[in-house]
Amino acid sequence: MAENTRPPKRVAAIHDLSCFGRCALTVILPTLSALGAQVVPVPTALLSSHTGGFTDLYFRDLSDDMDEIAAHFDRLSLTFDAIYSGFLGSEAQIEKVEKLIDRFGGEGMPVVVDPVMGDDGTLYSTYTPELMEGMKRLCHKADLITPNYTEACFLTGEPYVDTQGMDEEAVRALGERLLSALSVYGAKQTVITGLPVGDKLLIFGRSENGSFCHEEVLLHAGYPGTGDLFASTLLGLLLDGNCFENAVTGAAEITTIAIEKTLAAGTPVRDGVVLEHCMYELFALRTNLKRIQYRS
């Protein structure tokens, strides 16, 4: 069957929608579409902008709407090829995601949990101990989890330390230790999205085939949406038939390119990652990896 006659893989994306400031669904939708997947949003909240750097914003919780959306999906007999969740603002929302997984999940269908909880060694101000316990519970339902370094520490109880004060060998050992500790959640695949050391960013991955470490150049800049870009690219490449390590490498490379282009454009941090300048690279990444698949 020709590539463009196959139905696209369908992803239930359980994330918030921020109208301004590229992150969550405004990054996830174009990224997965560029990689050949159909995104079916299940919005958790509607915001006039994300909360990083903006004040006096409009916010509407959509927790109750999530139930109605799921019920309609049920009446439509929709099926999915993946379920993918991100930031969740309450214990009630975590419970709703668990129910969605139970309702629409199935054998061989990946559940991706991006356990968005904090950064730079600190939990977000909205994160209560109860909410963190709920996120841990949700991770137990996942086939793939993608915590950053901070989140990996909170999920495992590992003390957060500044890795720039360590030598590379020690940082690599820390990454392996975190991967091992995260195995308690039972995910088939785990990625820790970045431990900085020197001029490198080390990205650690583990699957049933073993663990690995991918290196990217460390860019001293951070923008909203980069985590969403990484996780969405990773999922899109996996759904497109790529092996786990190639998918992690591709996601890391695209995220680095996006940060470089965002820096070059002089974009205010709060505006988020300039994904619009990276669509060609996303299409090219999919095409190049497909060539590798066909040759192997």
C-alpha atoms as a PDB file:
ATOM      1  CA  MET A   1       0.000   0.000   0.000  1.00  0.00           C
ATOM      2  CA  ALA A   2       1.399   3.417  -0.926  1.00  0.00           C
ATOM      3  CA  GLU A   3       2.463   5.569   2.001  1.00  0.00           C
ATOM      4  CA  ASN A   4      -0.092   8.330   1.378  1.00  0.00           C
ATOM      5  CA  THR A   5      -3.020   5.888   1.157  1.00  0.00           C
ATOM      6  CA  ARG A   6      -2.549   4.515   4.659  1.00  0.00           C
ATOM      7  CA  PRO A   7      -4.806   6.039   7.308  1.00  0.00           C
ATOM      8  CA  PRO A   8      -2.740   8.211   9.661  1.00  0.00           C
ATOM      9  CA  LYS A   9      -2.110   7.005  13.185  1.00  0.00           C
ATOM     10  CA  ARG A  10      -4.549   8.666  15.594  1.00  0.00           C
ATOM     11  CA  VAL A  11      -3.377  10.212  18.877  1.00  0.00           C
ATOM     12  CA  ALA A  12      -5.608  11.300  21.759  1.00  0.00           C
ATOM     13  CA  ALA A  13      -3.686  14.311  23.102  1.00  0.00           C
ATOM     14  CA  ILE A  14      -4.736  15.275  26.626  1.00  0.00           C
ATOM     15  CA  HIS A  15      -3.216  18.718  27.119  1.00  0.00           C
ATOM     16  CA  ASP A  16      -4.163  22.334  27.738  1.00  0.00           C
ATOM     17  CA  LEU A  17      -4.697  24.948  25.032  1.00  0.00           C
ATOM     18  CA  SER A  18      -2.893  28.261  25.532  1.00  0.00           C
ATOM     19  CA  CYS A  19      -4.017  30.730  22.875  1.00  0.00           C
ATOM     20  CA  PHE A  20      -0.764  32.716  22.970  1.00  0.00           C
ATOM     21  CA  GLY A  21       2.706  31.454  23.798  1.00  0.00           C
ATOM     22  CA  ARG A  22       3.672  28.312  21.946  1.00  0.00           C
ATOM     23  CA  CYS A  23       3.283  25.267  24.183  1.00  0.00           C
ATOM     24  CA  ALA A  24       1.102  22.230  24.801  1.00  0.00           C
ATOM     25  CA  LEU A  25      -1.527  21.757  22.070  1.00  0.00           C
ATOM     26  CA  THR A  26      -0.315  24.637  19.877  1.00  0.00           C
ATOM     27  CA  VAL A  27       3.017  22.786  19.584  1.00  0.00           C
ATOM     28  CA  ILE A  28       1.691  19.224  19.693  1.00  0.00           C
ATOM     29  CA  LEU A  29      -0.838  19.619  16.864  1.00  0.00           C
ATOM     30  CA  PRO A  30       1.555  20.837  14.133  1.00  0.00           C
ATOM     31  CA  THR A  31       4.420  18.596  15.256  1.00  0.00           C
ATOM     32  CA  LEU A  32       2.495  15.339  15.143  1.00  0.00           C
ATOM     33  CA  SER A  33       0.706  16.385  11.941  1.00  0.00           C
ATOM     34  CA  ALA A  34       4.061  17.025  10.244  1.00  0.00           C
ATOM     35  CA  LEU A  35       5.106  13.518  11.270  1.00  0.00           C
ATOM     36  CA  GLY A  36       2.024  11.955   9.716  1.00  0.00           C
ATOM     37  CA  ALA A  37      -0.245  11.489  12.749  1.00  0.00           C
ATOM     38  CA  GLN A  38      -3.778  12.718  13.346  1.00  0.00           C
ATOM     39  CA  VAL A  39      -4.145  14.591  16.628  1.00  0.00           C
ATOM     40  CA  VAL A  40      -7.472  14.341  18.449  1.00  0.00           C
ATOM     41  CA  PRO A  41      -7.269  16.901  21.272  1.00  0.00           C
ATOM     42  CA  VAL A  42      -8.835  16.363  24.669  1.00  0.00           C
ATOM     43  CA  PRO A  43      -8.272  19.858  26.098  1.00  0.00           C
ATOM     44  CA  THR A  44      -7.817  20.041  29.854  1.00  0.00           C
ATOM     45  CA  ALA A  45      -7.962  23.834  30.132  1.00  0.00           C
ATOM     46  CA  LEU A  46      -8.296  26.953  27.994  1.00  0.00           C
ATOM     47  CA  LEU A  47      -5.915  29.833  28.699  1.00  0.00           C
ATOM     48  CA  SER A  48      -5.472  33.160  26.936  1.00  0.00           C
ATOM     49  CA  SER A  49      -1.731  32.553  27.361  1.00  0.00           C
ATOM     50  CA  HIS A  50       0.448  30.137  29.269  1.00  0.00           C
ATOM     51  CA  THR A  51       1.427  31.111  32.805  1.00  0.00           C
ATOM     52  CA  GLY A  52       5.157  31.665  32.264  1.00  0.00           C
ATOM     53  CA  GLY A  53       5.809  35.385  32.102  1.00  0.00           C
ATOM     54  CA  PHE A  54       2.200  36.517  31.668  1.00  0.00           C
ATOM     55  CA  THR A  55      -0.180  38.015  34.219  1.00  0.00           C
ATOM     56  CA  ASP A  56      -3.913  38.737  34.350  1.00  0.00           C
ATOM     57  CA  LEU A  57      -4.621  35.869  31.974  1.00  0.00           C
ATOM     58  CA  TYR A  58      -7.919  34.170  31.240  1.00  0.00           C
ATOM     59  CA  PHE A  59      -8.230  30.592  32.488  1.00  0.00           C
ATOM     60  CA  ARG A  60     -11.040  28.104  32.147  1.00  0.00           C
ATOM     61  CA  ASP A  61     -10.841  24.629  33.623  1.00  0.00           C
ATOM     62  CA  LEU A  62     -12.253  22.024  31.233  1.00  0.00           C
ATOM     63  CA  SER A  63     -12.284  19.049  33.591  1.00  0.00           C
ATOM     64  CA  ASP A  64     -16.037  18.536  33.262  1.00  0.00           C
ATOM     65  CA  ASP A  65     -15.838  18.946  29.482  1.00  0.00           C
ATOM     66  CA  MET A  66     -13.297  16.116  29.312  1.00  0.00           C
ATOM     67  CA  ASP A  67     -16.008  13.663  30.402  1.00  0.00           C
ATOM     68  CA  GLU A  68     -18.417  14.880  27.716  1.00  0.00           C
ATOM     69  CA  ILE A  69     -15.721  14.724  25.035  1.00  0.00           C
ATOM     70  CA  ALA A  70     -14.797  11.170  26.023  1.00  0.00           C
ATOM     71  CA  ALA A  71     -18.458  10.133  26.061  1.00  0.00           C
ATOM     72  CA  HIS A  72     -18.922  11.434  22.516  1.00  0.00           C
ATOM     73  CA  PHE A  73     -15.777   9.624  21.373  1.00  0.00           C
ATOM     74  CA  ASP A  74     -17.311   6.477  22.849  1.00  0.00           C
ATOM     75  CA  ARG A  75     -20.558   6.998  20.934  1.00  0.00           C
ATOM     76  CA  LEU A  76     -18.505   7.473  17.767  1.00  0.00           C
ATOM     77  CA  SER A  77     -16.655   4.206  18.509  1.00  0.00           C
ATOM     78  CA  LEU A  78     -13.367   6.037  18.037  1.00  0.00           C
ATOM     79  CA  THR A  79     -10.169   4.080  18.435  1.00  0.00           C
ATOM     80  CA  PHE A  80      -6.682   5.435  18.961  1.00  0.00           C
ATOM     81  CA  ASP A  81      -3.140   4.395  18.157  1.00  0.00           C
ATOM     82  CA  ALA A  82      -1.719   6.277  21.168  1.00  0.00           C
ATOM     83  CA  ILE A  83      -2.824   8.245  24.207  1.00  0.00           C
ATOM     84  CA  TYR A  84      -0.562  11.120  25.195  1.00  0.00           C
ATOM     85  CA  SER A  85      -0.922  13.291  28.311  1.00  0.00           C
ATOM     86  CA  GLY A  86       1.026  16.267  29.633  1.00  0.00           C
ATOM     87  CA  PHE A  87       0.496  18.891  32.334  1.00  0.00           C
ATOM     88  CA  LEU A  88      -2.508  18.141  34.524  1.00  0.00           C
ATOM     89  CA  GLY A  89      -3.809  20.713  36.956  1.00  0.00           C
ATOM     90  CA  SER A  90      -5.672  18.650  39.539  1.00  0.00           C
ATOM     91  CA  GLU A  91      -6.080  15.196  41.010  1.00  0.00           C
ATOM     92  CA  ALA A  92      -9.494  15.070  39.335  1.00  0.00           C
ATOM     93  CA  GLN A  93      -7.873  15.512  35.928  1.00  0.00           C
ATOM     94  CA  ILE A  94      -5.404  12.725  36.635  1.00  0.00           C
ATOM     95  CA  GLU A  95      -8.309  10.434  37.502  1.00  0.00           C
ATOM     96  CA  LYS A  96     -10.034  11.416  34.250  1.00  0.00           C
ATOM     97  CA  VAL A  97      -6.919  10.554  32.254  1.00  0.00           C
ATOM     98  CA  GLU A  98      -6.748   7.177  34.007  1.00  0.00           C
ATOM     99  CA  LYS A  99     -10.355   6.535  32.995  1.00  0.00           C
ATOM    100  CA  LEU A 100      -9.612   7.588  29.409  1.00  0.00           C
ATOM    101  CA  ILE A 101      -6.732   5.113  29.304  1.00  0.00           C
ATOM    102  CA  ASP A 102      -8.954   2.348  30.689  1.00  0.00           C
ATOM    103  CA  ARG A 103     -11.697   3.258  28.222  1.00  0.00           C
ATOM    104  CA  PHE A 104      -9.714   3.700  25.014  1.00  0.00           C
ATOM    105  CA  GLY A 105      -6.442   1.894  25.673  1.00  0.00           C
ATOM    106  CA  GLY A 106      -5.696  -1.520  24.307  1.00  0.00           C
ATOM    107  CA  GLU A 107      -3.076  -4.176  23.819  1.00  0.00           C
ATOM    108  CA  GLY A 108      -0.100  -2.795  21.921  1.00  0.00           C
ATOM    109  CA  MET A 109      -1.367   0.797  21.988  1.00  0.00           C
ATOM    110  CA  PRO A 110       1.256   3.075  23.584  1.00  0.00           C
ATOM    111  CA  VAL A 111       0.320   5.347  26.461  1.00  0.00           C
ATOM    112  CA  VAL A 112       2.705   8.290  26.719  1.00  0.00           C
ATOM    113  CA  VAL A 113       2.887  10.290  29.942  1.00  0.00           C
ATOM    114  CA  ASP A 114       4.935  13.468  29.968  1.00  0.00           C
ATOM    115  CA  PRO A 115       4.905  14.060  33.747  1.00  0.00           C
ATOM    116  CA  VAL A 116       5.075  17.852  33.642  1.00  0.00           C
ATOM    117  CA  MET A 117       5.648  18.893  37.260  1.00  0.00           C
ATOM    118  CA  GLY A 118       8.603  21.273  37.504  1.00  0.00           C
ATOM    119  CA  ASP A 119      12.024  22.391  36.370  1.00  0.00           C
ATOM    120  CA  ASP A 120      15.380  23.522  37.728  1.00  0.00           C
ATOM    121  CA  GLY A 121      14.985  21.402  40.848  1.00  0.00           C
ATOM    122  CA  THR A 122      11.632  22.890  41.865  1.00  0.00           C
ATOM    123  CA  LEU A 123       8.028  21.773  41.512  1.00  0.00           C
ATOM    124  CA  TYR A 124       5.598  24.225  39.921  1.00  0.00           C
ATOM    125  CA  SER A 125       3.668  26.255  42.487  1.00  0.00           C
ATOM    126  CA  THR A 126       0.401  24.456  41.671  1.00  0.00           C
ATOM    127  CA  TYR A 127       1.868  21.044  42.450  1.00  0.00           C
ATOM    128  CA  THR A 128       0.736  19.661  45.787  1.00  0.00           C
ATOM    129  CA  PRO A 129       2.067  16.426  47.320  1.00  0.00           C
ATOM    130  CA  GLU A 130      -1.281  14.806  46.484  1.00  0.00           C
ATOM    131  CA  LEU A 131      -0.984  15.876  42.845  1.00  0.00           C
ATOM    132  CA  MET A 132       2.524  14.470  42.627  1.00  0.00           C
ATOM    133  CA  GLU A 133       1.311  11.144  44.026  1.00  0.00           C
ATOM    134  CA  GLY A 134      -1.409  11.150  41.380  1.00  0.00           C
ATOM    135  CA  MET A 135       1.165  11.723  38.645  1.00  0.00           C
ATOM    136  CA  LYS A 136       3.214   8.817  39.988  1.00  0.00           C
ATOM    137  CA  ARG A 137       0.111   6.653  39.788  1.00  0.00           C
ATOM    138  CA  LEU A 138      -0.476   7.769  36.198  1.00  0.00           C
ATOM    139  CA  CYS A 139       3.115   6.896  35.273  1.00  0.00           C
ATOM    140  CA  HIS A 140       2.354   3.308  36.297  1.00  0.00           C
ATOM    141  CA  LYS A 141      -0.148   3.191  33.418  1.00  0.00           C
ATOM    142  CA  ALA A 142       2.359   4.461  30.841  1.00  0.00           C
ATOM    143  CA  ASP A 143       4.340   2.617  28.198  1.00  0.00           C
ATOM    144  CA  LEU A 144       6.594   5.652  27.688  1.00  0.00           C
ATOM    145  CA  ILE A 145       7.473   8.368  30.205  1.00  0.00           C
ATOM    146  CA  THR A 146       9.503  11.482  29.370  1.00  0.00           C
ATOM    147  CA  PRO A 147      10.465  13.312  32.580  1.00  0.00           C
ATOM    148  CA  ASN A 148      13.043  16.065  32.626  1.00  0.00           C
ATOM    149  CA  TYR A 149      15.843  15.855  35.177  1.00  0.00           C
ATOM    150  CA  THR A 150      13.839  17.638  37.885  1.00  0.00           C
ATOM    151  CA  GLU A 151      10.805  15.430  37.356  1.00  0.00           C
ATOM    152  CA  ALA A 152      12.928  12.280  37.322  1.00  0.00           C
ATOM    153  CA  CYS A 153      14.295  13.270  40.736  1.00  0.00           C
ATOM    154  CA  PHE A 154      10.833  13.866  42.196  1.00  0.00           C
ATOM    155  CA  LEU A 155       9.511  10.614  40.724  1.00  0.00           C
ATOM    156  CA  THR A 156      12.368   8.591  42.224  1.00  0.00           C
ATOM    157  CA  GLY A 157      13.279  10.492  45.400  1.00  0.00           C
ATOM    158  CA  GLU A 158      16.798  11.096  44.065  1.00  0.00           C
ATOM    159  CA  PRO A 159      18.241  14.373  45.438  1.00  0.00           C
ATOM    160  CA  TYR A 160      18.481  17.095  42.785  1.00  0.00           C
ATOM    161  CA  VAL A 161      22.028  18.383  42.355  1.00  0.00           C
ATOM    162  CA  ASP A 162      23.551  20.901  39.968  1.00  0.00           C
ATOM    163  CA  THR A 163      25.169  18.631  37.402  1.00  0.00           C
ATOM    164  CA  GLN A 164      27.353  21.458  36.103  1.00  0.00           C
ATOM    165  CA  GLY A 165      29.342  21.040  39.293  1.00  0.00           C
ATOM    166  CA  MET A 166      30.077  17.389  38.471  1.00  0.00           C
ATOM    167  CA  ASP A 167      32.376  15.629  36.028  1.00  0.00           C
ATOM    168  CA  GLU A 168      30.831  13.925  33.014  1.00  0.00           C
ATOM    169  CA  GLU A 169      31.413  10.391  34.258  1.00  0.00           C
ATOM    170  CA  ALA A 170      29.501  11.163  37.459  1.00  0.00           C
ATOM    171  CA  VAL A 171      26.627  12.730  35.490  1.00  0.00           C
ATOM    172  CA  ARG A 172      26.407   9.688  33.252  1.00  0.00           C
ATOM    173  CA  ALA A 173      26.286   7.462  36.335  1.00  0.00           C
ATOM    174  CA  LEU A 174      23.521   9.670  37.770  1.00  0.00           C
ATOM    175  CA  GLY A 175      21.516   9.362  34.556  1.00  0.00           C
ATOM    176  CA  GLU A 176      21.818   5.581  34.610  1.00  0.00           C
ATOM    177  CA  ARG A 177      20.832   5.527  38.278  1.00  0.00           C
ATOM    178  CA  LEU A 178      17.720   7.585  37.543  1.00  0.00           C
ATOM    179  CA  LEU A 179      16.776   5.317  34.635  1.00  0.00           C
ATOM    180  CA  SER A 180      17.105   2.301  36.885  1.00  0.00           C
ATOM    181  CA  ALA A 181      15.019   3.911  39.638  1.00  0.00           C
ATOM    182  CA  LEU A 182      12.306   4.931  37.152  1.00  0.00           C
ATOM    183  CA  SER A 183      11.905   1.297  36.093  1.00  0.00           C
ATOM    184  CA  VAL A 184       9.668   0.827  39.144  1.00  0.00           C
ATOM    185  CA  TYR A 185       6.884   2.480  37.115  1.00  0.00           C
ATOM    186  CA  GLY A 186       6.928  -0.351  34.615  1.00  0.00           C
ATOM    187  CA  ALA A 187       7.144   1.736  31.435  1.00  0.00           C
ATOM    188  CA  LYS A 188       8.613  -0.134  28.471  1.00  0.00           C
ATOM    189  CA  GLN A 189      10.462   3.013  27.408  1.00  0.00           C
ATOM    190  CA  THR A 190      11.838   5.923  29.431  1.00  0.00           C
ATOM    191  CA  VAL A 191      13.595   9.126  28.417  1.00  0.00           C
ATOM    192  CA  ILE A 192      15.163  11.659  30.767  1.00  0.00           C
ATOM    193  CA  THR A 193      15.269  14.837  28.737  1.00  0.00           C
ATOM    194  CA  GLY A 194      18.502  16.405  29.642  1.00  0.00           C
ATOM    195  CA  LEU A 195      21.242  16.547  32.246  1.00  0.00           C
ATOM    196  CA  PRO A 196      23.648  19.398  31.464  1.00  0.00           C
ATOM    197  CA  VAL A 197      27.384  18.974  31.924  1.00  0.00           C
ATOM    198  CA  GLY A 198      29.986  21.320  30.475  1.00  0.00           C
ATOM    199  CA  ASP A 199      28.925  22.236  26.946  1.00  0.00           C
ATOM    200  CA  LYS A 200      26.787  19.093  26.551  1.00  0.00           C
ATOM    201  CA  LEU A 201      23.219  18.093  27.255  1.00  0.00           C
ATOM    202  CA  LEU A 202      22.983  14.376  28.010  1.00  0.00           C
ATOM    203  CA  ILE A 203      19.699  12.664  27.167  1.00  0.00           C
ATOM    204  CA  PHE A 204      19.195   9.223  28.670  1.00  0.00           C
ATOM    205  CA  GLY A 205      16.955   6.507  27.278  1.00  0.00           C
ATOM    206  CA  ARG A 206      16.058   2.987  28.265  1.00  0.00           C
ATOM    207  CA  SER A 207      13.915   0.336  26.635  1.00  0.00           C
ATOM    208  CA  GLU A 208      13.670  -3.424  26.766  1.00  0.00           C
ATOM    209  CA  ASN A 209      16.795  -3.465  24.560  1.00  0.00           C
ATOM    210  CA  GLY A 210      18.930  -1.635  27.131  1.00  0.00           C
ATOM    211  CA  SER A 211      19.965   1.926  27.906  1.00  0.00           C
ATOM    212  CA  PHE A 212      21.829   4.611  25.981  1.00  0.00           C
ATOM    213  CA  CYS A 213      22.937   8.225  26.265  1.00  0.00           C
ATOM    214  CA  HIS A 214      22.580  10.764  23.455  1.00  0.00           C
ATOM    215  CA  GLU A 215      24.606  13.987  23.449  1.00  0.00           C
ATOM    216  CA  GLU A 216      23.412  17.376  22.197  1.00  0.00           C
ATOM    217  CA  VAL A 217      25.155  20.729  22.357  1.00  0.00           C
ATOM    218  CA  LEU A 218      24.041  22.642  25.449  1.00  0.00           C
ATOM    219  CA  LEU A 219      22.286  25.880  24.519  1.00  0.00           C
ATOM    220  CA  HIS A 220      21.966  28.242  27.443  1.00  0.00           C
ATOM    221  CA  ALA A 221      18.364  29.112  26.669  1.00  0.00           C
ATOM    222  CA  GLY A 222      14.994  27.660  27.537  1.00  0.00           C
ATOM    223  CA  TYR A 223      11.622  28.320  25.960  1.00  0.00           C
ATOM    224  CA  PRO A 224       8.084  27.164  26.652  1.00  0.00           C
ATOM    225  CA  GLY A 225       7.106  24.353  24.338  1.00  0.00           C
ATOM    226  CA  THR A 226      10.477  22.640  23.962  1.00  0.00           C
ATOM    227  CA  GLY A 227       9.424  19.700  26.122  1.00  0.00           C
ATOM    228  CA  ASP A 228       6.197  19.378  24.138  1.00  0.00           C
ATOM    229  CA  LEU A 229       8.193  19.479  20.900  1.00  0.00           C
ATOM    230  CA  PHE A 230      10.553  16.751  22.119  1.00  0.00           C
ATOM    231  CA  ALA A 231       7.857  14.392  23.393  1.00  0.00           C
ATOM    232  CA  SER A 232       5.602  14.935  20.363  1.00  0.00           C
ATOM    233  CA  THR A 233       8.446  14.345  17.911  1.00  0.00           C
ATOM    234  CA  LEU A 234       9.457  11.219  19.809  1.00  0.00           C
ATOM    235  CA  LEU A 235       5.916   9.850  19.727  1.00  0.00           C
ATOM    236  CA  GLY A 236       5.428  10.763  16.070  1.00  0.00           C
ATOM    237  CA  LEU A 237       8.628   9.011  15.037  1.00  0.00           C
ATOM    238  CA  LEU A 238       7.753   5.906  17.050  1.00  0.00           C
ATOM    239  CA  LEU A 239       4.296   5.741  15.464  1.00  0.00           C
ATOM    240  CA  ASP A 240       5.987   6.104  12.086  1.00  0.00           C
ATOM    241  CA  GLY A 241       7.857   2.857  12.705  1.00  0.00           C
ATOM    242  CA  ASN A 242      11.251   4.069  13.918  1.00  0.00           C
ATOM    243  CA  CYS A 243      13.254   2.292  16.584  1.00  0.00           C
ATOM    244  CA  PHE A 244      13.356   3.897  20.013  1.00  0.00           C
ATOM    245  CA  GLU A 245      16.960   5.121  19.933  1.00  0.00           C
ATOM    246  CA  ASN A 246      16.580   6.688  16.469  1.00  0.00           C
ATOM    247  CA  ALA A 247      13.362   8.373  17.599  1.00  0.00           C
ATOM    248  CA  VAL A 248      15.033   9.817  20.713  1.00  0.00           C
ATOM    249  CA  THR A 249      17.960  11.066  18.629  1.00  0.00           C
ATOM    250  CA  GLY A 250      15.632  12.667  16.086  1.00  0.00           C
ATOM    251  CA  ALA A 251      13.541  14.339  18.780  1.00  0.00           C
ATOM    252  CA  ALA A 252      16.653  15.700  20.487  1.00  0.00           C
ATOM    253  CA  GLU A 253      18.068  17.060  17.233  1.00  0.00           C
ATOM    254  CA  ILE A 254      14.817  18.801  16.278  1.00  0.00           C
ATOM    255  CA  THR A 255      14.545  20.371  19.727  1.00  0.00           C
ATOM    256  CA  THR A 256      18.100  21.719  19.478  1.00  0.00           C
ATOM    257  CA  ILE A 257      17.398  23.132  16.009  1.00  0.00           C
ATOM    258  CA  ALA A 258      14.212  24.776  17.286  1.00  0.00           C
ATOM    259  CA  ILE A 259      16.025  26.457  20.174  1.00  0.00           C
ATOM    260  CA  GLU A 260      18.763  27.680  17.819  1.00  0.00           C
ATOM    261  CA  LYS A 261      16.193  29.158  15.437  1.00  0.00           C
ATOM    262  CA  THR A 262      14.235  30.728  18.289  1.00  0.00           C
ATOM    263  CA  LEU A 263      17.409  32.356  19.590  1.00  0.00           C
ATOM    264  CA  ALA A 264      18.345  33.571  16.104  1.00  0.00           C
ATOM    265  CA  ALA A 265      14.908  35.154  15.669  1.00  0.00           C
ATOM    266  CA  GLY A 266      15.335  37.164  18.871  1.00  0.00           C
ATOM    267  CA  THR A 267      12.081  35.737  20.185  1.00  0.00           C
ATOM    268  CA  PRO A 268      11.005  36.779  23.696  1.00  0.00           C
ATOM    269  CA  VAL A 269      11.238  33.761  25.984  1.00  0.00           C
ATOM    270  CA  ARG A 270       7.573  33.858  26.936  1.00  0.00           C
ATOM    271  CA  ASP A 271       6.492  33.663  23.267  1.00  0.00           C
ATOM    272  CA  GLY A 272       7.715  30.074  23.175  1.00  0.00           C
ATOM    273  CA  VAL A 273       9.708  28.011  20.724  1.00  0.00           C
ATOM    274  CA  VAL A 274       9.451  29.182  17.085  1.00  0.00           C
ATOM    275  CA  LEU A 275       8.122  25.960  15.639  1.00  0.00           C
ATOM    276  CA  GLU A 276       7.084  27.704  12.420  1.00  0.00           C
ATOM    277  CA  HIS A 277      10.747  27.888  11.386  1.00  0.00           C
ATOM    278  CA  CYS A 278      11.251  24.152  11.940  1.00  0.00           C
ATOM    279  CA  MET A 279       8.556  22.555   9.812  1.00  0.00           C
ATOM    280  CA  TYR A 280      10.940  21.801   6.950  1.00  0.00           C
ATOM    281  CA  GLU A 281      13.288  20.023   9.365  1.00  0.00           C
ATOM    282  CA  LEU A 282      10.394  17.985  10.774  1.00  0.00           C
ATOM    283  CA  PHE A 283       9.330  16.847   7.301  1.00  0.00           C
ATOM    284  CA  ALA A 284      12.955  16.138   6.372  1.00  0.00           C
ATOM    285  CA  LEU A 285      13.529  14.162   9.573  1.00  0.00           C
ATOM    286  CA  ARG A 286      10.587  11.900   8.822  1.00  0.00           C
ATOM    287  CA  THR A 287      11.717  11.415   5.223  1.00  0.00           C
ATOM    288  CA  ASN A 288      15.338  10.677   6.126  1.00  0.00           C
ATOM    289  CA  LEU A 289      14.447   8.178   8.838  1.00  0.00           C
ATOM    290  CA  LYS A 290      12.069   6.423   6.458  1.00  0.00           C
ATOM    291  CA  ARG A 291      14.944   6.021   4.006  1.00  0.00           C
ATOM    292  CA  ILE A 292      16.938   4.362   6.790  1.00  0.00           C
ATOM    293  CA  GLN A 293      13.996   2.018   7.495  1.00  0.00           C
ATOM    294  CA  TYR A 294      13.699   1.046   3.851  1.00  0.00           C
ATOM    295  CA  ARG A 295      17.442   0.357   3.538  1.00  0.00           C
ATOM    296  CA  SER A 296      17.546  -1.844   6.631  1.00  0.00           C
END
